[in-house]
Amino acid sequence: MPKLLFKMHGAPDDEIEEVRELLESHQFDTYETEPGRWGIGIAAIWLKNEEQLAQASEVLSEYQKQRYENAQESRAEVEKLTVLQGLYIKFKQDPEQFMLTLLGLSAVLGLTLYPFLNL
């Protein structure tokens, strides 16, 4: 009887792809289901062979633990950044969006303060 291994609802695409690769590299016999047209099904990865459940669960839990540790390290690095460093990183990632946001903030601030500056 198939066993549920991993629910894909709400999981990021990179995590889903990594789980697929992980299960494939360990040669677990799996299949996927989709939520369906109306979204009432379960988007998940299922294990066909129930005898592999303990191994697959252990592999997935180790992967989740490693992913959690990586996320904590990334968060710690981001928390160490100063405001200017963070703004610089945002600018380097998408300069167009950064400038549009800055322009929008300036417009809102200018329109907000305009009545008070004319007193």
C-alpha atoms as a PDB file:
ATOM      1  CA  MET A   1       0.000   0.000   0.000  1.00  0.00           C
ATOM      2  CA  PRO A   2       1.421   3.435  -0.916  1.00  0.00           C
ATOM      3  CA  LYS A   3       2.591   5.693   1.890  1.00  0.00           C
ATOM      4  CA  LEU A   4       2.644   9.489   1.908  1.00  0.00           C
ATOM      5  CA  LEU A   5       6.204  10.837   2.026  1.00  0.00           C
ATOM      6  CA  PHE A   6       6.079  14.530   1.215  1.00  0.00           C
ATOM      7  CA  LYS A   7       3.225  17.013   0.820  1.00  0.00           C
ATOM      8  CA  MET A   8       4.034  19.540  -1.879  1.00  0.00           C
ATOM      9  CA  HIS A   9       1.349  22.078  -0.952  1.00  0.00           C
ATOM     10  CA  GLY A  10       3.049  25.259   0.211  1.00  0.00           C
ATOM     11  CA  ALA A  11       6.574  23.937  -0.339  1.00  0.00           C
ATOM     12  CA  PRO A  12       8.926  26.064  -2.463  1.00  0.00           C
ATOM     13  CA  ASP A  13       9.740  24.783  -5.942  1.00  0.00           C
ATOM     14  CA  ASP A  14      13.440  24.360  -5.172  1.00  0.00           C
ATOM     15  CA  GLU A  15      12.647  22.161  -2.170  1.00  0.00           C
ATOM     16  CA  ILE A  16      10.268  19.994  -4.207  1.00  0.00           C
ATOM     17  CA  GLU A  17      12.893  19.545  -6.913  1.00  0.00           C
ATOM     18  CA  GLU A  18      15.578  18.678  -4.340  1.00  0.00           C
ATOM     19  CA  VAL A  19      13.287  16.094  -2.703  1.00  0.00           C
ATOM     20  CA  ARG A  20      12.590  14.529  -6.105  1.00  0.00           C
ATOM     21  CA  GLU A  21      16.317  14.313  -6.852  1.00  0.00           C
ATOM     22  CA  LEU A  22      17.072  12.949  -3.383  1.00  0.00           C
ATOM     23  CA  LEU A  23      14.474  10.191  -3.647  1.00  0.00           C
ATOM     24  CA  GLU A  24      15.611   9.336  -7.161  1.00  0.00           C
ATOM     25  CA  SER A  25      19.276   9.181  -6.154  1.00  0.00           C
ATOM     26  CA  HIS A  26      18.409   6.740  -3.358  1.00  0.00           C
ATOM     27  CA  GLN A  27      16.333   4.716  -5.846  1.00  0.00           C
ATOM     28  CA  PHE A  28      13.065   4.862  -3.950  1.00  0.00           C
ATOM     29  CA  ASP A  29      10.033   3.785  -5.972  1.00  0.00           C
ATOM     30  CA  THR A  30       7.771   6.862  -5.830  1.00  0.00           C
ATOM     31  CA  TYR A  31       5.019   8.602  -7.717  1.00  0.00           C
ATOM     32  CA  GLU A  32       3.390  12.031  -7.500  1.00  0.00           C
ATOM     33  CA  THR A  33      -0.188  13.197  -7.293  1.00  0.00           C
ATOM     34  CA  GLU A  34      -1.558  16.614  -8.182  1.00  0.00           C
ATOM     35  CA  PRO A  35      -4.322  18.622  -6.473  1.00  0.00           C
ATOM     36  CA  GLY A  36      -6.519  18.307  -9.540  1.00  0.00           C
ATOM     37  CA  ARG A  37      -8.586  20.838 -11.419  1.00  0.00           C
ATOM     38  CA  TRP A  38     -10.548  22.049  -8.390  1.00  0.00           C
ATOM     39  CA  GLY A  39      -7.756  21.676  -5.863  1.00  0.00           C
ATOM     40  CA  ILE A  40      -9.440  19.038  -3.724  1.00  0.00           C
ATOM     41  CA  GLY A  41      -6.729  16.382  -4.147  1.00  0.00           C
ATOM     42  CA  ILE A  42      -3.368  16.159  -2.425  1.00  0.00           C
ATOM     43  CA  ALA A  43      -0.231  17.312  -4.208  1.00  0.00           C
ATOM     44  CA  ALA A  44       2.253  14.875  -2.737  1.00  0.00           C
ATOM     45  CA  ILE A  45       5.023  12.383  -3.317  1.00  0.00           C
ATOM     46  CA  TRP A  46       4.073   8.839  -2.388  1.00  0.00           C
ATOM     47  CA  LEU A  47       6.241   5.794  -1.728  1.00  0.00           C
ATOM     48  CA  LYS A  48       5.070   2.666  -3.583  1.00  0.00           C
ATOM     49  CA  ASN A  49       7.037   0.109  -1.572  1.00  0.00           C
ATOM     50  CA  GLU A  50       6.017   0.149   2.084  1.00  0.00           C
ATOM     51  CA  GLU A  51       9.162  -1.775   3.054  1.00  0.00           C
ATOM     52  CA  GLN A  52      11.294   1.264   2.127  1.00  0.00           C
ATOM     53  CA  LEU A  53       9.303   3.610   4.374  1.00  0.00           C
ATOM     54  CA  ALA A  54      11.774   3.651   7.277  1.00  0.00           C
ATOM     55  CA  GLN A  55      14.733   4.364   4.993  1.00  0.00           C
ATOM     56  CA  ALA A  56      12.892   7.021   2.997  1.00  0.00           C
ATOM     57  CA  SER A  57      11.637   8.751   6.138  1.00  0.00           C
ATOM     58  CA  GLU A  58      15.153   8.804   7.554  1.00  0.00           C
ATOM     59  CA  VAL A  59      16.592  10.257   4.328  1.00  0.00           C
ATOM     60  CA  LEU A  60      13.876  12.928   4.199  1.00  0.00           C
ATOM     61  CA  SER A  61      14.261  13.869   7.850  1.00  0.00           C
ATOM     62  CA  GLU A  62      18.018  14.245   7.405  1.00  0.00           C
ATOM     63  CA  TYR A  63      17.418  16.421   4.333  1.00  0.00           C
ATOM     64  CA  GLN A  64      14.899  18.586   6.222  1.00  0.00           C
ATOM     65  CA  LYS A  65      17.329  18.960   9.125  1.00  0.00           C
ATOM     66  CA  GLN A  66      20.112  20.072   6.756  1.00  0.00           C
ATOM     67  CA  ARG A  67      17.775  22.484   4.965  1.00  0.00           C
ATOM     68  CA  TYR A  68      16.699  23.976   8.311  1.00  0.00           C
ATOM     69  CA  GLU A  69      20.328  24.475   9.374  1.00  0.00           C
ATOM     70  CA  ASN A  70      21.146  26.154   6.052  1.00  0.00           C
ATOM     71  CA  ALA A  71      18.169  28.478   6.433  1.00  0.00           C
ATOM     72  CA  GLN A  72      19.259  29.403   9.962  1.00  0.00           C
ATOM     73  CA  GLU A  73      22.783  30.171   8.738  1.00  0.00           C
ATOM     74  CA  SER A  74      21.423  32.337   5.928  1.00  0.00           C
ATOM     75  CA  ARG A  75      19.201  34.177   8.374  1.00  0.00           C
ATOM     76  CA  ALA A  76      22.123  34.780  10.726  1.00  0.00           C
ATOM     77  CA  GLU A  77      24.146  36.223   7.840  1.00  0.00           C
ATOM     78  CA  VAL A  78      21.294  38.545   6.872  1.00  0.00           C
ATOM     79  CA  GLU A  79      20.855  39.715  10.469  1.00  0.00           C
ATOM     80  CA  LYS A  80      24.533  40.704  10.593  1.00  0.00           C
ATOM     81  CA  LEU A  81      24.116  43.096   7.663  1.00  0.00           C
ATOM     82  CA  THR A  82      23.723  46.791   8.257  1.00  0.00           C
ATOM     83  CA  VAL A  83      20.873  48.689   6.619  1.00  0.00           C
ATOM     84  CA  LEU A  84      23.137  50.084   3.900  1.00  0.00           C
ATOM     85  CA  GLN A  85      24.587  46.662   3.107  1.00  0.00           C
ATOM     86  CA  GLY A  86      21.083  45.250   2.836  1.00  0.00           C
ATOM     87  CA  LEU A  87      20.001  48.065   0.536  1.00  0.00           C
ATOM     88  CA  TYR A  88      23.089  47.534  -1.609  1.00  0.00           C
ATOM     89  CA  ILE A  89      22.293  43.819  -1.936  1.00  0.00           C
ATOM     90  CA  LYS A  90      18.704  44.630  -2.924  1.00  0.00           C
ATOM     91  CA  PHE A  91      19.989  47.130  -5.476  1.00  0.00           C
ATOM     92  CA  LYS A  92      22.393  44.576  -6.978  1.00  0.00           C
ATOM     93  CA  GLN A  93      19.663  41.913  -7.201  1.00  0.00           C
ATOM     94  CA  ASP A  94      17.193  44.068  -9.141  1.00  0.00           C
ATOM     95  CA  PRO A  95      18.287  47.680  -9.749  1.00  0.00           C
ATOM     96  CA  GLU A  96      15.215  48.535 -11.820  1.00  0.00           C
ATOM     97  CA  GLN A  97      12.760  47.457  -9.113  1.00  0.00           C
ATOM     98  CA  PHE A  98      14.863  49.160  -6.446  1.00  0.00           C
ATOM     99  CA  MET A  99      14.821  52.487  -8.305  1.00  0.00           C
ATOM    100  CA  LEU A 100      11.075  52.274  -8.992  1.00  0.00           C
ATOM    101  CA  THR A 101      10.430  51.589  -5.329  1.00  0.00           C
ATOM    102  CA  LEU A 102      12.648  54.503  -4.315  1.00  0.00           C
ATOM    103  CA  LEU A 103      10.849  56.768  -6.795  1.00  0.00           C
ATOM    104  CA  GLY A 104       7.459  55.648  -5.490  1.00  0.00           C
ATOM    105  CA  LEU A 105       8.464  56.261  -1.885  1.00  0.00           C
ATOM    106  CA  SER A 106       9.773  59.709  -2.796  1.00  0.00           C
ATOM    107  CA  ALA A 107       6.517  60.569  -4.582  1.00  0.00           C
ATOM    108  CA  VAL A 108       4.386  59.480  -1.635  1.00  0.00           C
ATOM    109  CA  LEU A 109       6.587  61.355   0.824  1.00  0.00           C
ATOM    110  CA  GLY A 110       6.542  64.473  -1.358  1.00  0.00           C
ATOM    111  CA  LEU A 111       2.761  64.434  -1.771  1.00  0.00           C
ATOM    112  CA  THR A 112       2.309  63.844   1.938  1.00  0.00           C
ATOM    113  CA  LEU A 113       4.572  66.718   3.006  1.00  0.00           C
ATOM    114  CA  TYR A 114       3.590  69.200   0.266  1.00  0.00           C
ATOM    115  CA  PRO A 115       0.679  70.815   2.174  1.00  0.00           C
ATOM    116  CA  PHE A 116       2.851  71.395   5.228  1.00  0.00           C
ATOM    117  CA  LEU A 117       5.707  72.954   3.289  1.00  0.00           C
ATOM    118  CA  ASN A 118       3.416  75.641   1.807  1.00  0.00           C
ATOM    119  CA  LEU A 119       2.306  77.042   5.166  1.00  0.00           C
END
